[in-house]
Amino acid sequence: MYNSSTITLGDAVKESRPAAFSTIVKPAGSACNLDCAYCYYLDKAILYGGREAVMSEELLEKYVRQYITGNSADPVTFCWHGGEPTLPGLDFYRKAVGFQNKYSSGKRIVNSIQTNATLIDEEWCKFFRDNNFLVGVSLDGPQDIHDAFRRDKRGRPTWERVMASVAMLKRHGVEFNTLSVVNSRCEGRGKEIYSFLKSVGSHFMQFLPAVEHVVDRPDFPRPVIVSPETEGARLAHWSVSAKGYGEFLCDIFDNWVVSDIGEYFVQMFDATLAQYCDVQPGVCSMCETCGDCLVVEHNGDVYNCDHFVYPEYLLGNIRERSLLEIYNDPKRFRFGVAKRSTLPPECLRCHFYFACRGECPKHRFERSASGEAKNSLCLGLKAYFRHTRPYFEKMRDSLILGKAPAKVMPWAREKMMRDGQ
């Protein structure tokens, strides 16, 4: 059994290697032209006095240099995020690419940007194409689902603007994927959302569950997302239920496994298969420990994680210490190991721990029988892992024999017919 001071051999080996880490950079902080109801980042403006400036050119160069030179990874992947990362404008990114070329030292540079896509125009598309940017488009699904919570500052719907931008990206041959927030409106509509995303040309999909608590503050225009222990905190009405989330994943999986393996990629399914094959899952929530993806704010502040941008998790600022020094800080390491060491015994004994790894610590809202915090989505995650186990075992066995996972699709169709699904 693990405790807060337990360090495994794997931890020790990992920490003894040259530093290889990733970053999410917020060049405009939490600033955004939209006012999505479930956005956990809009509230971060409170940390900076309610007003945020765009990252300066001087700080941008410092970040790019420190990230490339302090990192043993190759390629080095830049993930531009927000808020809305297009707010700094095209010239900002032209300068960023210039700095990347200046400091690359032969390393391959990869850029991705996660955007609400409402500000994209032809010039942006040409830039993305010419500089090989992967564009992540925030798109929750059909119009009624997307517009329920993704509205602009004036309360206007955004789906039509996003769809116009998707069409523009496709015309220019820009590679894009989709990120969809799974909220209360999505329950019972997994197959419909999956089919819709396929129809718009998304071959790589991320589905992120929204489960948060909020309080009302007189000095803030919207309910503020807080820790569930906060006095007066209530579960946000847009939160997905554990049961609903599990059913959502199963509905999509049942459609994917019989016809779409190898053509359409769902991050959760890729990560699950990786767990069955005992390789890195590629998504931090399903790793045994976390803390390898630092968040760099618009002013140079660095945090452990995108979901833990709170004063107590501040690691430093790149004006005062390099990214490599910050990454090597024991505080960062302790945060990462805590993902495993603070799990309740029932999680560590669970048959699906090898796949789930406790999921993301930000979802530990419930209490176990022994009183420790446990994942509030546990019921749904177990249902998903239980339902998909025979299929992933078959895919794993196929890979062991040197065959592609897609080869299991005829078997999956026959199994579902036999099971009456």
Protein backbone atom coordinates (compact mmCIF):
# COMPACT_ATOMS: atom_id res chain seq x y z
CA MET A 1 0.00 0.00 0.00
CA TYR A 2 1.24 3.46 -0.90
CA ASN A 3 1.55 6.40 1.48
CA SER A 4 2.50 10.03 1.03
CA SER A 5 6.22 9.27 1.26
CA THR A 6 6.26 6.22 -1.03
CA ILE A 7 8.60 6.49 -4.00
CA THR A 8 8.54 3.58 -6.44
CA LEU A 9 11.41 2.32 -8.57
CA GLY A 10 9.59 3.74 -11.57
CA ASP A 11 9.48 7.18 -9.91
CA ALA A 12 13.19 7.04 -9.17
CA VAL A 13 14.14 5.94 -12.68
CA LYS A 14 11.98 8.63 -14.24
CA GLU A 15 13.44 11.38 -12.07
CA SER A 16 17.00 10.27 -12.77
CA ARG A 17 16.58 10.69 -16.54
CA PRO A 18 17.13 13.95 -18.44
CA ALA A 19 14.06 16.16 -18.02
CA ALA A 20 11.40 15.55 -20.65
CA PHE A 21 8.26 17.54 -19.98
CA SER A 22 5.48 19.38 -21.76
CA THR A 23 3.80 22.72 -21.18
CA ILE A 24 0.46 24.35 -21.73
CA VAL A 25 1.00 28.06 -22.27
CA LYS A 26 -1.72 30.67 -21.70
CA PRO A 27 -0.54 33.74 -23.69
CA ALA A 28 -3.71 35.66 -22.84
CA GLY A 29 -4.28 34.05 -19.45
CA SER A 30 -7.97 33.48 -18.82
CA ALA A 31 -9.05 36.28 -21.17
CA CYS A 32 -11.69 35.08 -23.61
CA ASN A 33 -14.31 36.48 -25.96
CA LEU A 34 -16.78 33.83 -24.80
CA ASP A 35 -18.46 33.20 -21.48
CA CYS A 36 -18.90 29.41 -21.43
CA ALA A 37 -20.85 28.48 -18.31
CA TYR A 38 -18.58 25.58 -17.33
CA CYS A 39 -15.21 27.23 -18.09
CA TYR A 40 -12.95 26.63 -15.09
CA TYR A 41 -10.38 29.10 -16.42
CA LEU A 42 -12.37 32.32 -16.69
CA ASP A 43 -12.35 32.53 -12.91
CA LYS A 44 -8.53 32.66 -12.84
CA ALA A 45 -8.76 36.38 -13.60
CA ILE A 46 -9.45 36.75 -9.87
CA LEU A 47 -5.82 35.72 -9.21
CA TYR A 48 -4.57 38.64 -11.27
CA GLY A 49 -6.83 41.40 -10.02
CA GLY A 50 -9.53 40.79 -12.60
CA ARG A 51 -7.42 42.13 -15.44
CA GLU A 52 -4.87 40.31 -17.55
CA ALA A 53 -2.40 41.44 -20.19
CA VAL A 54 -1.13 39.50 -23.18
CA MET A 55 2.28 37.85 -22.73
CA SER A 56 4.97 40.34 -23.72
CA GLU A 57 7.36 39.70 -26.61
CA GLU A 58 10.28 39.63 -24.17
CA LEU A 59 8.58 37.00 -22.00
CA LEU A 60 7.49 35.01 -25.05
CA GLU A 61 11.09 34.71 -26.20
CA LYS A 62 12.22 33.74 -22.69
CA TYR A 63 9.55 31.01 -22.51
CA VAL A 64 10.35 29.58 -25.96
CA ARG A 65 14.10 29.52 -25.26
CA GLN A 66 13.77 27.96 -21.80
CA TYR A 67 11.27 25.35 -22.97
CA ILE A 68 13.39 24.15 -25.90
CA THR A 69 16.85 24.33 -24.32
CA GLY A 70 15.81 22.91 -20.94
CA ASN A 71 13.92 19.97 -22.39
CA SER A 72 15.40 16.67 -23.55
CA ALA A 73 12.23 15.88 -25.50
CA ASP A 74 12.40 15.80 -29.28
CA PRO A 75 10.08 16.85 -30.79
CA VAL A 76 9.22 19.74 -28.50
CA THR A 77 5.47 20.32 -28.53
CA PHE A 78 4.01 23.74 -27.88
CA CYS A 79 0.38 23.75 -26.74
CA TRP A 80 -1.16 27.24 -26.97
CA HIS A 81 -4.21 27.46 -24.75
CA GLY A 82 -6.45 29.84 -22.84
CA GLY A 83 -8.79 31.48 -22.25
CA GLU A 84 -8.82 32.13 -25.96
CA PRO A 85 -5.29 31.88 -27.36
CA THR A 86 -6.08 33.69 -30.63
CA LEU A 87 -6.69 36.96 -28.73
CA PRO A 88 -3.01 38.03 -28.85
CA GLY A 89 -3.30 38.13 -32.65
CA LEU A 90 -1.40 36.64 -35.57
CA ASP A 91 1.72 38.75 -35.13
CA PHE A 92 2.23 37.20 -31.70
CA TYR A 93 2.36 33.74 -33.23
CA ARG A 94 4.56 34.85 -36.11
CA LYS A 95 7.04 36.02 -33.48
CA ALA A 96 6.63 32.74 -31.56
CA VAL A 97 7.48 30.71 -34.66
CA GLY A 98 10.47 32.99 -35.25
CA PHE A 99 11.74 32.35 -31.73
CA GLN A 100 11.18 28.61 -32.16
CA ASN A 101 13.33 28.63 -35.28
CA LYS A 102 15.97 30.69 -33.49
CA TYR A 103 16.35 28.30 -30.55
CA SER A 104 15.40 24.93 -32.04
CA SER A 105 19.04 23.70 -32.33
CA GLY A 106 17.97 20.94 -34.67
CA LYS A 107 15.01 19.75 -32.61
CA ARG A 108 11.70 19.29 -34.35
CA ILE A 109 9.04 21.76 -33.21
CA VAL A 110 5.34 20.90 -33.10
CA ASN A 111 2.57 23.44 -32.48
CA SER A 112 -1.01 22.91 -31.42
CA ILE A 113 -3.58 25.51 -30.45
CA GLN A 114 -6.87 24.94 -28.62
CA THR A 115 -9.43 27.52 -29.72
CA ASN A 116 -13.15 28.25 -29.55
CA ALA A 117 -12.72 29.00 -33.30
CA THR A 118 -15.01 32.05 -33.32
CA LEU A 119 -12.20 34.49 -34.24
CA ILE A 120 -10.60 32.47 -37.02
CA ASP A 121 -10.51 34.00 -40.50
CA GLU A 122 -8.80 33.24 -43.82
CA GLU A 123 -5.50 34.76 -42.66
CA TRP A 124 -5.43 32.58 -39.56
CA CYS A 125 -6.13 29.51 -41.67
CA LYS A 126 -3.27 30.30 -44.04
CA PHE A 127 -0.93 30.76 -41.08
CA PHE A 128 -2.00 27.46 -39.50
CA ARG A 129 -1.52 25.61 -42.78
CA ASP A 130 1.82 27.20 -43.65
CA ASN A 131 3.23 26.53 -40.17
CA ASN A 132 1.72 23.07 -39.67
CA PHE A 133 -0.35 24.00 -36.61
CA LEU A 134 -2.72 21.35 -35.32
CA VAL A 135 -5.92 23.18 -34.42
CA GLY A 136 -8.07 21.87 -31.59
CA VAL A 137 -11.63 23.13 -32.02
CA SER A 138 -13.90 23.34 -28.99
CA LEU A 139 -17.16 21.87 -30.28
CA ASP A 140 -19.57 20.09 -27.96
CA GLY A 141 -21.85 18.55 -30.58
CA PRO A 142 -25.07 19.45 -32.39
CA GLN A 143 -26.33 23.02 -32.11
CA ASP A 144 -28.64 22.66 -29.12
CA ILE A 145 -25.94 20.93 -27.04
CA HIS A 146 -23.16 23.32 -28.01
CA ASP A 147 -25.18 26.50 -27.60
CA ALA A 148 -26.58 25.47 -24.21
CA PHE A 149 -23.37 26.51 -22.43
CA ARG A 150 -20.97 27.91 -25.05
CA ARG A 151 -22.16 31.51 -25.44
CA ASP A 152 -20.38 34.81 -25.92
CA LYS A 153 -20.16 37.77 -23.53
CA ARG A 154 -23.53 39.05 -24.76
CA GLY A 155 -25.21 35.69 -24.24
CA ARG A 156 -25.39 34.91 -27.94
CA PRO A 157 -24.99 31.33 -29.29
CA THR A 158 -21.72 30.41 -31.01
CA TRP A 159 -22.36 27.13 -32.88
CA GLU A 160 -22.89 28.72 -36.29
CA ARG A 161 -19.66 30.72 -36.00
CA VAL A 162 -17.71 27.62 -35.00
CA MET A 163 -19.14 25.60 -37.86
CA ALA A 164 -18.20 28.34 -40.33
CA SER A 165 -14.63 28.24 -39.01
CA VAL A 166 -14.50 24.44 -39.29
CA ALA A 167 -15.54 24.73 -42.94
CA MET A 168 -12.81 27.35 -43.45
CA LEU A 169 -10.15 25.14 -41.84
CA LYS A 170 -11.16 22.27 -44.11
CA ARG A 171 -11.01 24.47 -47.23
CA HIS A 172 -7.47 25.47 -46.37
CA GLY A 173 -6.38 21.92 -45.58
CA VAL A 174 -5.65 22.69 -41.92
CA GLU A 175 -5.37 19.65 -39.67
CA PHE A 176 -7.89 19.87 -36.83
CA ASN A 177 -9.40 17.77 -34.08
CA THR A 178 -12.25 18.38 -31.66
CA LEU A 179 -12.54 18.79 -27.93
CA SER A 180 -16.02 18.28 -26.49
CA VAL A 181 -17.10 18.96 -22.94
CA VAL A 182 -19.38 16.20 -21.65
CA ASN A 183 -22.01 17.97 -19.58
CA SER A 184 -25.54 17.28 -18.35
CA ARG A 185 -26.99 18.03 -21.81
CA CYS A 186 -24.90 15.23 -23.31
CA GLU A 187 -26.36 12.43 -21.21
CA GLY A 188 -28.12 9.84 -23.35
CA ARG A 189 -26.78 11.39 -26.57
CA GLY A 190 -23.34 9.82 -26.95
CA LYS A 191 -24.04 8.12 -30.29
CA GLU A 192 -25.62 11.27 -31.70
CA ILE A 193 -22.67 13.48 -30.68
CA TYR A 194 -20.14 11.00 -32.04
CA SER A 195 -21.97 10.74 -35.38
CA PHE A 196 -22.17 14.52 -35.59
CA LEU A 197 -18.44 15.00 -34.99
CA LYS A 198 -17.68 12.41 -37.65
CA SER A 199 -19.93 14.25 -40.07
CA VAL A 200 -17.98 17.51 -39.66
CA GLY A 201 -14.69 15.77 -40.38
CA SER A 202 -13.21 15.22 -36.94
CA HIS A 203 -11.06 12.10 -36.92
CA PHE A 204 -9.51 12.77 -33.51
CA MET A 205 -11.87 13.44 -30.60
CA GLN A 206 -11.44 14.32 -26.95
CA PHE A 207 -14.36 14.08 -24.53
CA LEU A 208 -13.77 15.87 -21.23
CA PRO A 209 -16.27 15.41 -18.38
CA ALA A 210 -17.48 18.57 -16.64
CA VAL A 211 -18.00 18.04 -12.92
CA GLU A 212 -17.56 21.14 -10.80
CA HIS A 213 -18.81 22.99 -7.74
CA VAL A 214 -19.66 26.68 -7.69
CA VAL A 215 -20.47 29.53 -5.33
CA ASP A 216 -21.96 32.96 -5.97
CA ARG A 217 -19.75 35.99 -5.35
CA PRO A 218 -21.04 39.57 -5.28
CA ASP A 219 -17.81 40.83 -6.87
CA PHE A 220 -17.95 38.44 -9.83
CA PRO A 221 -20.58 38.37 -12.60
CA ARG A 222 -20.97 34.58 -12.72
CA PRO A 223 -20.89 31.63 -10.34
CA VAL A 224 -17.26 30.91 -9.46
CA ILE A 225 -15.88 27.38 -9.71
CA VAL A 226 -14.40 26.32 -6.36
CA SER A 227 -13.31 23.31 -4.36
CA PRO A 228 -16.30 21.32 -3.08
CA GLU A 229 -15.09 21.94 0.50
CA THR A 230 -15.70 25.67 0.07
CA GLU A 231 -18.47 27.00 2.29
CA GLY A 232 -21.70 27.27 0.35
CA ALA A 233 -20.41 25.27 -2.62
CA ARG A 234 -23.02 23.48 -4.71
CA LEU A 235 -22.75 21.06 -7.63
CA ALA A 236 -23.02 23.04 -10.86
CA HIS A 237 -26.18 22.28 -12.81
CA TRP A 238 -24.20 21.52 -15.97
CA SER A 239 -22.17 18.73 -14.32
CA VAL A 240 -22.46 15.30 -15.91
CA SER A 241 -23.51 12.47 -13.59
CA ALA A 242 -21.22 9.50 -13.08
CA LYS A 243 -23.81 7.12 -14.52
CA GLY A 244 -24.46 9.45 -17.46
CA TYR A 245 -20.75 9.76 -18.22
CA GLY A 246 -20.25 5.99 -18.21
CA GLU A 247 -23.22 5.45 -20.52
CA PHE A 248 -21.97 8.24 -22.80
CA LEU A 249 -18.58 6.53 -23.23
CA CYS A 250 -20.16 3.10 -23.75
CA ASP A 251 -22.56 4.40 -26.41
CA ILE A 252 -19.70 5.92 -28.39
CA PHE A 253 -17.51 2.86 -27.92
CA ASP A 254 -20.23 0.51 -29.23
CA ASN A 255 -20.34 2.48 -32.46
CA TRP A 256 -16.57 2.90 -32.76
CA VAL A 257 -15.52 -0.70 -32.07
CA VAL A 258 -17.60 -2.26 -34.85
CA SER A 259 -16.65 0.05 -37.71
CA ASP A 260 -14.27 2.90 -36.91
CA ILE A 261 -11.07 1.49 -35.37
CA GLY A 262 -8.07 2.92 -37.18
CA GLU A 263 -10.08 5.62 -38.95
CA TYR A 264 -11.52 7.62 -36.09
CA PHE A 265 -9.57 8.09 -32.86
CA VAL A 266 -11.05 8.80 -29.44
CA GLN A 267 -8.51 9.84 -26.83
CA MET A 268 -10.15 7.80 -24.06
CA PHE A 269 -10.15 4.64 -26.17
CA ASP A 270 -6.54 5.10 -27.27
CA ALA A 271 -5.50 5.61 -23.64
CA THR A 272 -7.44 2.56 -22.46
CA LEU A 273 -5.84 0.33 -25.09
CA ALA A 274 -2.44 1.67 -24.05
CA GLN A 275 -3.13 0.60 -20.45
CA TYR A 276 -3.99 -2.91 -21.60
CA CYS A 277 -0.69 -2.98 -23.51
CA ASP A 278 1.27 -1.59 -20.54
CA VAL A 279 2.51 1.49 -22.39
CA GLN A 280 2.14 5.18 -21.52
CA PRO A 281 -1.50 6.17 -22.08
CA GLY A 282 -0.76 9.62 -23.50
CA VAL A 283 -3.27 11.36 -21.23
CA CYS A 284 -2.25 12.53 -17.77
CA SER A 285 -5.50 11.60 -16.01
CA MET A 286 -4.79 7.91 -16.65
CA CYS A 287 -1.14 7.96 -15.61
CA GLU A 288 -0.09 6.63 -12.20
CA THR A 289 1.42 10.01 -11.30
CA CYS A 290 1.10 13.46 -12.85
CA GLY A 291 2.93 16.78 -12.89
CA ASP A 292 4.77 16.41 -16.21
CA CYS A 293 2.73 19.07 -17.99
CA LEU A 294 3.46 22.51 -16.56
CA VAL A 295 1.14 25.46 -17.07
CA VAL A 296 2.80 28.76 -18.02
CA GLU A 297 0.67 31.84 -17.44
CA HIS A 298 0.72 35.08 -19.42
CA ASN A 299 2.99 36.72 -16.81
CA GLY A 300 5.43 33.80 -16.52
CA ASP A 301 3.90 32.12 -13.47
CA VAL A 302 4.20 28.33 -13.59
CA TYR A 303 1.79 25.84 -12.02
CA ASN A 304 1.70 22.07 -11.63
CA CYS A 305 -1.43 21.54 -13.69
CA ASP A 306 -4.06 23.30 -15.77
CA HIS A 307 -6.71 22.34 -13.21
CA PHE A 308 -4.72 23.47 -10.18
CA VAL A 309 -3.98 27.11 -10.94
CA TYR A 310 -4.33 28.26 -7.35
CA PRO A 311 -1.81 30.16 -5.21
CA GLU A 312 -0.87 27.10 -3.18
CA TYR A 313 0.24 25.28 -6.34
CA LEU A 314 2.41 28.07 -7.76
CA LEU A 315 5.89 26.72 -8.52
CA GLY A 316 7.63 29.91 -9.58
CA ASN A 317 8.02 32.37 -12.42
CA ILE A 318 10.25 32.00 -15.48
CA ARG A 319 11.59 35.53 -14.98
CA GLU A 320 13.17 34.34 -11.73
CA ARG A 321 13.91 30.67 -12.38
CA SER A 322 14.18 28.68 -15.60
CA LEU A 323 11.51 26.19 -16.62
CA LEU A 324 14.01 23.39 -16.08
CA GLU A 325 14.71 24.54 -12.52
CA ILE A 326 10.98 24.78 -11.86
CA TYR A 327 10.37 21.33 -13.31
CA ASN A 328 13.08 19.89 -11.06
CA ASP A 329 11.52 21.48 -7.96
CA PRO A 330 10.65 18.81 -5.35
CA LYS A 331 7.27 20.53 -4.90
CA ARG A 332 6.37 19.60 -8.47
CA PHE A 333 7.45 16.01 -7.87
CA ARG A 334 5.45 15.72 -4.65
CA PHE A 335 2.35 17.03 -6.40
CA GLY A 336 2.70 14.38 -9.08
CA VAL A 337 3.21 11.48 -6.68
CA ALA A 338 0.25 12.61 -4.56
CA LYS A 339 -2.07 11.51 -7.38
CA ARG A 340 -1.25 7.93 -6.42
CA SER A 341 -0.43 8.22 -2.74
CA THR A 342 -3.68 9.95 -1.75
CA LEU A 343 -5.96 7.37 -3.32
CA PRO A 344 -8.16 5.37 -0.91
CA PRO A 345 -7.35 1.67 -0.43
CA GLU A 346 -10.47 0.62 -2.34
CA CYS A 347 -9.12 2.34 -5.47
CA LEU A 348 -5.74 0.61 -5.23
CA ARG A 349 -7.50 -2.74 -4.82
CA CYS A 350 -9.89 -2.13 -7.71
CA HIS A 351 -9.70 -4.53 -10.65
CA PHE A 352 -9.60 -1.55 -13.02
CA TYR A 353 -6.95 0.47 -11.22
CA PHE A 354 -4.43 -0.49 -13.91
CA ALA A 355 -6.59 1.36 -16.46
CA CYS A 356 -8.15 4.18 -14.44
CA ARG A 357 -5.27 5.09 -12.07
CA GLY A 358 -7.79 7.10 -10.07
CA GLU A 359 -8.48 9.38 -13.08
CA CYS A 360 -7.95 13.12 -12.50
CA PRO A 361 -7.47 14.33 -8.90
CA LYS A 362 -9.69 17.33 -9.65
CA HIS A 363 -12.69 14.98 -9.69
CA ARG A 364 -12.16 13.59 -6.18
CA PHE A 365 -15.33 15.01 -4.70
CA GLU A 366 -16.80 11.89 -3.08
CA ARG A 367 -15.71 10.00 0.03
CA SER A 368 -14.74 6.36 0.25
CA ALA A 369 -15.99 4.03 2.98
CA SER A 370 -12.83 4.84 4.94
CA GLY A 371 -13.28 8.60 4.50
CA GLU A 372 -10.69 9.44 1.83
CA ALA A 373 -11.52 11.51 -1.23
CA LYS A 374 -12.38 9.38 -4.26
CA ASN A 375 -13.30 10.10 -7.85
CA SER A 376 -16.88 11.25 -8.28
CA LEU A 377 -17.03 9.60 -11.73
CA CYS A 378 -16.02 6.20 -10.37
CA LEU A 379 -19.40 4.53 -11.00
CA GLY A 380 -19.40 5.55 -14.64
CA LEU A 381 -15.75 4.75 -15.23
CA LYS A 382 -16.19 1.26 -13.80
CA ALA A 383 -19.18 0.71 -16.07
CA TYR A 384 -17.12 1.79 -19.08
CA PHE A 385 -14.10 -0.38 -18.21
CA ARG A 386 -16.31 -3.38 -17.44
CA HIS A 387 -18.26 -3.02 -20.68
CA THR A 388 -15.21 -2.58 -22.91
CA ARG A 389 -12.86 -5.10 -21.29
CA PRO A 390 -13.38 -8.05 -23.69
CA TYR A 391 -12.87 -5.81 -26.71
CA PHE A 392 -9.69 -4.22 -25.44
CA GLU A 393 -8.33 -7.62 -24.42
CA LYS A 394 -8.99 -8.81 -27.96
CA MET A 395 -7.25 -5.74 -29.41
CA ARG A 396 -4.28 -6.27 -27.09
CA ASP A 397 -4.02 -9.91 -28.19
CA SER A 398 -4.20 -8.82 -31.82
CA LEU A 399 -1.30 -6.42 -31.30
CA ILE A 400 0.76 -9.15 -29.61
CA LEU A 401 0.34 -11.21 -32.79
CA GLY A 402 1.48 -8.27 -34.89
CA LYS A 403 -1.99 -7.51 -36.23
CA ALA A 404 -3.76 -4.16 -36.27
CA PRO A 405 -6.49 -3.55 -33.65
CA ALA A 406 -8.92 -2.88 -36.52
CA LYS A 407 -8.84 -6.62 -37.27
CA VAL A 408 -11.12 -7.21 -34.28
CA MET A 409 -14.06 -5.31 -35.81
CA PRO A 410 -15.75 -8.37 -37.44
CA TRP A 411 -15.42 -10.25 -34.13
CA ALA A 412 -16.87 -7.23 -32.28
CA ARG A 413 -19.88 -7.11 -34.62
CA GLU A 414 -20.54 -10.81 -34.11
CA LYS A 415 -20.18 -10.51 -30.34
CA MET A 416 -22.63 -7.64 -30.17
CA MET A 417 -25.15 -9.58 -32.26
CA ARG A 418 -24.78 -12.57 -29.95
CA ASP A 419 -25.18 -10.39 -26.89
CA GLY A 420 -28.23 -8.68 -28.37
CA GLN A 421 -26.66 -5.22 -28.37
